[in-house]
Amino acid sequence: MIEFLKALLMWLAAFIPAMAIGSAVSRGNPKRAAVLIQVSMLLLSLPLLWAVNGPKSSGLLLNLSYLPRAFLVGFTVSLTLNAIGPSTETADEPEFLPRDWRRYPLILLLAPLSEELLHRGLVEGYLLSYGHFWSAILFAALLFALPHWRAFGGSALDRISIVAGAFLLGTLVGYFFALGGIVPAFALHASANLAGLVVLHFRER
């Protein structure tokens, strides 16, 4: 139990300052805040996971074995979730999402990298090093899913649906991380976001 408390504290040590920096520096601009939060999360997570876990336990090894499967699973599951999920205007167009080309590096590169280093590399990697498997995957997935409640608008039912979908994807990402490290985890996360952008593109048209 103490390992989970330590993992939570490490997550808070990166997540809360990242949110604070993004909110303080963005001056009320949600699009700028999104970028600053992700950059801050990346910069805070890297030294933490390096000091606590080391590169091996954090999954920072080049393993391409699960890459195609992770990409396919992420895209397929996310496409399904987005197609059947909430379709309100607020949920479809979150205010933090840029409307031009800047959405692509944010959603396909920066967010998957920073969030996977924090949730999988730091939190799940730490718990896996103590012999936890499914509990480590589910705990990291929960920490990944909960902030989605605040990030998206819509009704309470819409937000519950978004958080549940994020938890499912976080569980899948965590499983692939446990098998192959950060590379398939990043690929699944990025492909899931790509599917979301595809659905958003067609709804905008």
C-alpha atoms as a PDB file:
ATOM      1  CA  MET A   1       0.000   0.000   0.000  1.00  0.00           C
ATOM      2  CA  ILE A   2       2.859   2.378   0.786  1.00  0.00           C
ATOM      3  CA  GLU A   3       4.110   2.086  -2.813  1.00  0.00           C
ATOM      4  CA  PHE A   4       0.786   3.419  -4.118  1.00  0.00           C
ATOM      5  CA  LEU A   5       0.903   6.361  -1.728  1.00  0.00           C
ATOM      6  CA  LYS A   6       4.440   7.175  -2.874  1.00  0.00           C
ATOM      7  CA  ALA A   7       3.362   6.855  -6.514  1.00  0.00           C
ATOM      8  CA  LEU A   8       0.469   9.250  -5.881  1.00  0.00           C
ATOM      9  CA  LEU A   9       2.780  11.769  -4.217  1.00  0.00           C
ATOM     10  CA  MET A  10       5.211  11.590  -7.139  1.00  0.00           C
ATOM     11  CA  TRP A  11       2.334  12.134  -9.562  1.00  0.00           C
ATOM     12  CA  LEU A  12       1.151  15.153  -7.567  1.00  0.00           C
ATOM     13  CA  ALA A  13       4.721  16.504  -7.465  1.00  0.00           C
ATOM     14  CA  ALA A  14       4.691  16.760 -11.267  1.00  0.00           C
ATOM     15  CA  PHE A  15       0.990  17.319 -12.010  1.00  0.00           C
ATOM     16  CA  ILE A  16       0.155  20.149  -9.598  1.00  0.00           C
ATOM     17  CA  PRO A  17       3.142  22.384 -10.468  1.00  0.00           C
ATOM     18  CA  ALA A  18       2.495  21.789 -14.186  1.00  0.00           C
ATOM     19  CA  MET A  19      -1.125  22.901 -13.788  1.00  0.00           C
ATOM     20  CA  ALA A  20      -0.074  25.894 -11.693  1.00  0.00           C
ATOM     21  CA  ILE A  21       2.557  27.005 -14.208  1.00  0.00           C
ATOM     22  CA  GLY A  22       0.166  26.611 -17.131  1.00  0.00           C
ATOM     23  CA  SER A  23      -2.589  28.567 -15.405  1.00  0.00           C
ATOM     24  CA  ALA A  24      -0.306  31.341 -14.149  1.00  0.00           C
ATOM     25  CA  VAL A  25       1.657  31.965 -17.360  1.00  0.00           C
ATOM     26  CA  SER A  26      -1.152  31.516 -19.894  1.00  0.00           C
ATOM     27  CA  ARG A  27      -3.059  34.614 -18.672  1.00  0.00           C
ATOM     28  CA  GLY A  28      -6.440  33.001 -19.160  1.00  0.00           C
ATOM     29  CA  ASN A  29      -5.725  31.667 -22.650  1.00  0.00           C
ATOM     30  CA  PRO A  30      -6.758  27.956 -22.564  1.00  0.00           C
ATOM     31  CA  LYS A  31      -4.866  27.087 -25.749  1.00  0.00           C
ATOM     32  CA  ARG A  32      -1.634  28.548 -24.401  1.00  0.00           C
ATOM     33  CA  ALA A  33      -2.308  26.888 -21.041  1.00  0.00           C
ATOM     34  CA  ALA A  34      -2.624  23.460 -22.713  1.00  0.00           C
ATOM     35  CA  VAL A  35       0.827  23.757 -24.283  1.00  0.00           C
ATOM     36  CA  LEU A  36       2.450  25.132 -21.117  1.00  0.00           C
ATOM     37  CA  ILE A  37       0.922  22.402 -18.962  1.00  0.00           C
ATOM     38  CA  GLN A  38       2.195  19.655 -21.259  1.00  0.00           C
ATOM     39  CA  VAL A  39       5.692  21.157 -21.524  1.00  0.00           C
ATOM     40  CA  SER A  40       5.853  21.643 -17.736  1.00  0.00           C
ATOM     41  CA  MET A  41       4.650  18.086 -17.143  1.00  0.00           C
ATOM     42  CA  LEU A  42       7.335  16.758 -19.483  1.00  0.00           C
ATOM     43  CA  LEU A  43      10.124  18.765 -17.843  1.00  0.00           C
ATOM     44  CA  LEU A  44       9.012  17.841 -14.320  1.00  0.00           C
ATOM     45  CA  SER A  45       8.452  14.138 -15.053  1.00  0.00           C
ATOM     46  CA  LEU A  46      11.795  13.408 -16.691  1.00  0.00           C
ATOM     47  CA  PRO A  47      14.095  14.141 -13.734  1.00  0.00           C
ATOM     48  CA  LEU A  48      11.658  12.482 -11.328  1.00  0.00           C
ATOM     49  CA  LEU A  49      11.406   9.202 -13.227  1.00  0.00           C
ATOM     50  CA  TRP A  50      15.141   9.206 -13.921  1.00  0.00           C
ATOM     51  CA  ALA A  51      15.944   9.664 -10.220  1.00  0.00           C
ATOM     52  CA  VAL A  52      13.275   7.309  -8.849  1.00  0.00           C
ATOM     53  CA  ASN A  53      13.050   4.529 -11.424  1.00  0.00           C
ATOM     54  CA  GLY A  54      16.003   4.849 -13.736  1.00  0.00           C
ATOM     55  CA  PRO A  55      15.648   4.392 -17.503  1.00  0.00           C
ATOM     56  CA  LYS A  56      15.019   0.639 -17.439  1.00  0.00           C
ATOM     57  CA  SER A  57      12.180   0.602 -14.879  1.00  0.00           C
ATOM     58  CA  SER A  58      10.685   3.659 -16.583  1.00  0.00           C
ATOM     59  CA  GLY A  59      10.453   1.767 -19.864  1.00  0.00           C
ATOM     60  CA  LEU A  60      12.824   4.147 -21.638  1.00  0.00           C
ATOM     61  CA  LEU A  61      14.284   1.423 -23.818  1.00  0.00           C
ATOM     62  CA  LEU A  62      13.769   1.104 -27.562  1.00  0.00           C
ATOM     63  CA  ASN A  63      11.349  -1.781 -27.995  1.00  0.00           C
ATOM     64  CA  LEU A  64       9.458  -1.908 -31.291  1.00  0.00           C
ATOM     65  CA  SER A  65       7.979  -5.397 -30.793  1.00  0.00           C
ATOM     66  CA  TYR A  66       4.490  -4.213 -29.849  1.00  0.00           C
ATOM     67  CA  LEU A  67       4.446  -1.025 -31.914  1.00  0.00           C
ATOM     68  CA  PRO A  68       2.095  -2.072 -34.779  1.00  0.00           C
ATOM     69  CA  ARG A  69      -0.383  -3.756 -32.416  1.00  0.00           C
ATOM     70  CA  ALA A  70      -0.375  -0.799 -30.042  1.00  0.00           C
ATOM     71  CA  PHE A  71      -1.030   1.655 -32.884  1.00  0.00           C
ATOM     72  CA  LEU A  72      -3.868  -0.453 -34.300  1.00  0.00           C
ATOM     73  CA  VAL A  73      -5.521  -1.020 -30.905  1.00  0.00           C
ATOM     74  CA  GLY A  74      -5.305   2.654 -29.962  1.00  0.00           C
ATOM     75  CA  PHE A  75      -6.773   3.887 -33.230  1.00  0.00           C
ATOM     76  CA  THR A  76      -9.575   1.296 -33.372  1.00  0.00           C
ATOM     77  CA  VAL A  77     -10.711   1.648 -29.757  1.00  0.00           C
ATOM     78  CA  SER A  78     -10.537   5.441 -29.808  1.00  0.00           C
ATOM     79  CA  LEU A  79     -12.373   5.644 -33.126  1.00  0.00           C
ATOM     80  CA  THR A  80     -15.170   3.550 -31.635  1.00  0.00           C
ATOM     81  CA  LEU A  81     -15.305   5.583 -28.412  1.00  0.00           C
ATOM     82  CA  ASN A  82     -15.349   8.899 -30.293  1.00  0.00           C
ATOM     83  CA  ALA A  83     -17.994   7.702 -32.733  1.00  0.00           C
ATOM     84  CA  ILE A  84     -20.410   6.641 -29.991  1.00  0.00           C
ATOM     85  CA  GLY A  85     -19.383   9.217 -27.388  1.00  0.00           C
ATOM     86  CA  PRO A  86     -20.872  12.625 -26.546  1.00  0.00           C
ATOM     87  CA  SER A  87     -21.562  14.840 -29.548  1.00  0.00           C
ATOM     88  CA  THR A  88     -22.331  18.166 -27.912  1.00  0.00           C
ATOM     89  CA  GLU A  89     -20.583  21.239 -29.298  1.00  0.00           C
ATOM     90  CA  THR A  90     -18.589  21.730 -26.100  1.00  0.00           C
ATOM     91  CA  ALA A  91     -17.365  18.141 -26.027  1.00  0.00           C
ATOM     92  CA  ASP A  92     -16.500  18.155 -29.723  1.00  0.00           C
ATOM     93  CA  GLU A  93     -14.506  21.379 -29.606  1.00  0.00           C
ATOM     94  CA  PRO A  94     -12.697  21.688 -26.279  1.00  0.00           C
ATOM     95  CA  GLU A  95     -11.553  25.245 -25.706  1.00  0.00           C
ATOM     96  CA  PHE A  96      -7.930  24.188 -25.126  1.00  0.00           C
ATOM     97  CA  LEU A  97      -7.617  22.722 -28.644  1.00  0.00           C
ATOM     98  CA  PRO A  98      -6.093  25.064 -31.276  1.00  0.00           C
ATOM     99  CA  ARG A  99      -8.134  25.381 -34.471  1.00  0.00           C
ATOM    100  CA  ASP A 100      -5.151  25.485 -36.828  1.00  0.00           C
ATOM    101  CA  TRP A 101      -2.091  23.293 -37.529  1.00  0.00           C
ATOM    102  CA  ARG A 102      -0.867  23.703 -33.935  1.00  0.00           C
ATOM    103  CA  ARG A 103      -3.383  21.125 -32.753  1.00  0.00           C
ATOM    104  CA  TYR A 104      -1.423  18.329 -34.446  1.00  0.00           C
ATOM    105  CA  PRO A 105       1.948  18.593 -32.657  1.00  0.00           C
ATOM    106  CA  LEU A 106       0.109  19.235 -29.385  1.00  0.00           C
ATOM    107  CA  ILE A 107      -2.247  16.257 -29.620  1.00  0.00           C
ATOM    108  CA  LEU A 108      -0.093  13.790 -31.546  1.00  0.00           C
ATOM    109  CA  LEU A 109       3.366  14.440 -30.072  1.00  0.00           C
ATOM    110  CA  LEU A 110       3.567  16.642 -26.988  1.00  0.00           C
ATOM    111  CA  ALA A 111       0.551  15.377 -25.028  1.00  0.00           C
ATOM    112  CA  PRO A 112       1.227  11.638 -25.569  1.00  0.00           C
ATOM    113  CA  LEU A 113       4.903  12.064 -24.687  1.00  0.00           C
ATOM    114  CA  SER A 114       4.430  14.135 -21.525  1.00  0.00           C
ATOM    115  CA  GLU A 115       1.435  12.164 -20.254  1.00  0.00           C
ATOM    116  CA  GLU A 116       3.036   8.786 -20.881  1.00  0.00           C
ATOM    117  CA  LEU A 117       6.269   9.775 -19.169  1.00  0.00           C
ATOM    118  CA  LEU A 118       4.263  10.880 -16.133  1.00  0.00           C
ATOM    119  CA  HIS A 119       1.596   8.183 -15.881  1.00  0.00           C
ATOM    120  CA  ARG A 120       3.369   5.182 -17.292  1.00  0.00           C
ATOM    121  CA  GLY A 121       7.091   5.959 -17.004  1.00  0.00           C
ATOM    122  CA  LEU A 122       6.947   7.443 -13.507  1.00  0.00           C
ATOM    123  CA  VAL A 123       3.846   6.040 -11.772  1.00  0.00           C
ATOM    124  CA  GLU A 124       3.342   2.664 -13.422  1.00  0.00           C
ATOM    125  CA  GLY A 125       7.067   2.035 -13.826  1.00  0.00           C
ATOM    126  CA  TYR A 126       7.585   2.612 -10.108  1.00  0.00           C
ATOM    127  CA  LEU A 127       4.773   0.232  -9.144  1.00  0.00           C
ATOM    128  CA  LEU A 128       5.845  -2.427 -11.643  1.00  0.00           C
ATOM    129  CA  SER A 129       9.309  -2.396 -10.086  1.00  0.00           C
ATOM    130  CA  TYR A 130       7.670  -3.558  -6.823  1.00  0.00           C
ATOM    131  CA  GLY A 131       5.990  -6.523  -8.498  1.00  0.00           C
ATOM    132  CA  HIS A 132       2.532  -5.008  -9.004  1.00  0.00           C
ATOM    133  CA  PHE A 133       1.018  -5.644 -12.424  1.00  0.00           C
ATOM    134  CA  TRP A 134      -2.710  -5.089 -12.934  1.00  0.00           C
ATOM    135  CA  SER A 135      -2.982  -2.855  -9.889  1.00  0.00           C
ATOM    136  CA  ALA A 136      -0.145  -0.718 -11.282  1.00  0.00           C
ATOM    137  CA  ILE A 137      -1.829  -0.523 -14.693  1.00  0.00           C
ATOM    138  CA  LEU A 138      -5.233   0.395 -13.238  1.00  0.00           C
ATOM    139  CA  PHE A 139      -3.848   2.907 -10.747  1.00  0.00           C
ATOM    140  CA  ALA A 140      -1.918   4.768 -13.453  1.00  0.00           C
ATOM    141  CA  ALA A 141      -4.976   4.618 -15.738  1.00  0.00           C
ATOM    142  CA  LEU A 142      -7.136   6.163 -13.002  1.00  0.00           C
ATOM    143  CA  LEU A 143      -4.691   9.036 -12.462  1.00  0.00           C
ATOM    144  CA  PHE A 144      -4.615   9.534 -16.231  1.00  0.00           C
ATOM    145  CA  ALA A 145      -8.406   9.532 -16.609  1.00  0.00           C
ATOM    146  CA  LEU A 146      -9.511  11.787 -13.753  1.00  0.00           C
ATOM    147  CA  PRO A 147      -8.091  15.093 -15.114  1.00  0.00           C
ATOM    148  CA  HIS A 148     -10.189  14.589 -18.263  1.00  0.00           C
ATOM    149  CA  TRP A 149     -13.242  15.569 -16.177  1.00  0.00           C
ATOM    150  CA  ARG A 150     -11.932  19.131 -15.924  1.00  0.00           C
ATOM    151  CA  ALA A 151     -10.390  19.311 -19.388  1.00  0.00           C
ATOM    152  CA  PHE A 152     -13.644  18.767 -21.299  1.00  0.00           C
ATOM    153  CA  GLY A 153     -16.978  20.518 -21.112  1.00  0.00           C
ATOM    154  CA  GLY A 154     -20.508  19.232 -21.560  1.00  0.00           C
ATOM    155  CA  SER A 155     -22.978  17.700 -19.160  1.00  0.00           C
ATOM    156  CA  ALA A 156     -22.063  15.474 -16.235  1.00  0.00           C
ATOM    157  CA  LEU A 157     -23.037  12.450 -18.342  1.00  0.00           C
ATOM    158  CA  ASP A 158     -20.758  13.628 -21.167  1.00  0.00           C
ATOM    159  CA  ARG A 159     -17.862  14.026 -18.741  1.00  0.00           C
ATOM    160  CA  ILE A 160     -18.450  10.620 -17.176  1.00  0.00           C
ATOM    161  CA  SER A 161     -18.364   9.111 -20.660  1.00  0.00           C
ATOM    162  CA  ILE A 162     -15.098  10.927 -21.466  1.00  0.00           C
ATOM    163  CA  VAL A 163     -13.444   9.878 -18.184  1.00  0.00           C
ATOM    164  CA  ALA A 164     -14.579   6.264 -18.658  1.00  0.00           C
ATOM    165  CA  GLY A 165     -13.174   6.235 -22.194  1.00  0.00           C
ATOM    166  CA  ALA A 166      -9.891   7.732 -20.962  1.00  0.00           C
ATOM    167  CA  PHE A 167      -9.707   5.071 -18.244  1.00  0.00           C
ATOM    168  CA  LEU A 168     -10.214   2.295 -20.808  1.00  0.00           C
ATOM    169  CA  LEU A 169      -7.537   3.732 -23.092  1.00  0.00           C
ATOM    170  CA  GLY A 170      -5.250   4.312 -20.107  1.00  0.00           C
ATOM    171  CA  THR A 171      -5.635   0.667 -19.147  1.00  0.00           C
ATOM    172  CA  LEU A 172      -4.741  -0.465 -22.663  1.00  0.00           C
ATOM    173  CA  VAL A 173      -1.766   1.905 -22.774  1.00  0.00           C
ATOM    174  CA  GLY A 174      -0.636   0.643 -19.367  1.00  0.00           C
ATOM    175  CA  TYR A 175      -0.825  -2.972 -20.506  1.00  0.00           C
ATOM    176  CA  PHE A 176       1.328  -2.282 -23.554  1.00  0.00           C
ATOM    177  CA  PHE A 177       3.742  -0.290 -21.393  1.00  0.00           C
ATOM    178  CA  ALA A 178       4.081  -3.246 -19.027  1.00  0.00           C
ATOM    179  CA  LEU A 179       4.865  -5.461 -22.025  1.00  0.00           C
ATOM    180  CA  GLY A 180       7.097  -3.229 -24.114  1.00  0.00           C
ATOM    181  CA  GLY A 181       7.876   0.059 -22.395  1.00  0.00           C
ATOM    182  CA  ILE A 182       7.305   3.662 -23.411  1.00  0.00           C
ATOM    183  CA  VAL A 183       7.440   3.238 -27.209  1.00  0.00           C
ATOM    184  CA  PRO A 184       4.231   1.176 -27.654  1.00  0.00           C
ATOM    185  CA  ALA A 185       2.580   3.227 -24.902  1.00  0.00           C
ATOM    186  CA  PHE A 186       3.322   6.427 -26.796  1.00  0.00           C
ATOM    187  CA  ALA A 187       2.187   4.861 -30.095  1.00  0.00           C
ATOM    188  CA  LEU A 188      -1.153   3.741 -28.632  1.00  0.00           C
ATOM    189  CA  HIS A 189      -1.780   7.132 -27.033  1.00  0.00           C
ATOM    190  CA  ALA A 190      -0.853   9.035 -30.196  1.00  0.00           C
ATOM    191  CA  SER A 191      -2.972   6.790 -32.424  1.00  0.00           C
ATOM    192  CA  ALA A 192      -5.930   7.165 -30.057  1.00  0.00           C
ATOM    193  CA  ASN A 193      -5.596  10.945 -30.283  1.00  0.00           C
ATOM    194  CA  LEU A 194      -5.284  10.689 -34.058  1.00  0.00           C
ATOM    195  CA  ALA A 195      -8.603   8.837 -34.207  1.00  0.00           C
ATOM    196  CA  GLY A 196     -10.168  11.572 -32.079  1.00  0.00           C
ATOM    197  CA  LEU A 197      -8.879  14.222 -34.479  1.00  0.00           C
ATOM    198  CA  VAL A 198     -10.256  12.291 -37.443  1.00  0.00           C
ATOM    199  CA  VAL A 199     -13.727  12.170 -35.885  1.00  0.00           C
ATOM    200  CA  LEU A 200     -13.505  15.851 -34.896  1.00  0.00           C
ATOM    201  CA  HIS A 201     -12.490  16.780 -38.443  1.00  0.00           C
ATOM    202  CA  PHE A 202     -15.570  15.104 -39.934  1.00  0.00           C
ATOM    203  CA  ARG A 203     -17.875  16.630 -37.315  1.00  0.00           C
ATOM    204  CA  GLU A 204     -16.461  20.094 -38.007  1.00  0.00           C
ATOM    205  CA  ARG A 205     -17.126  19.619 -41.719  1.00  0.00           C
END
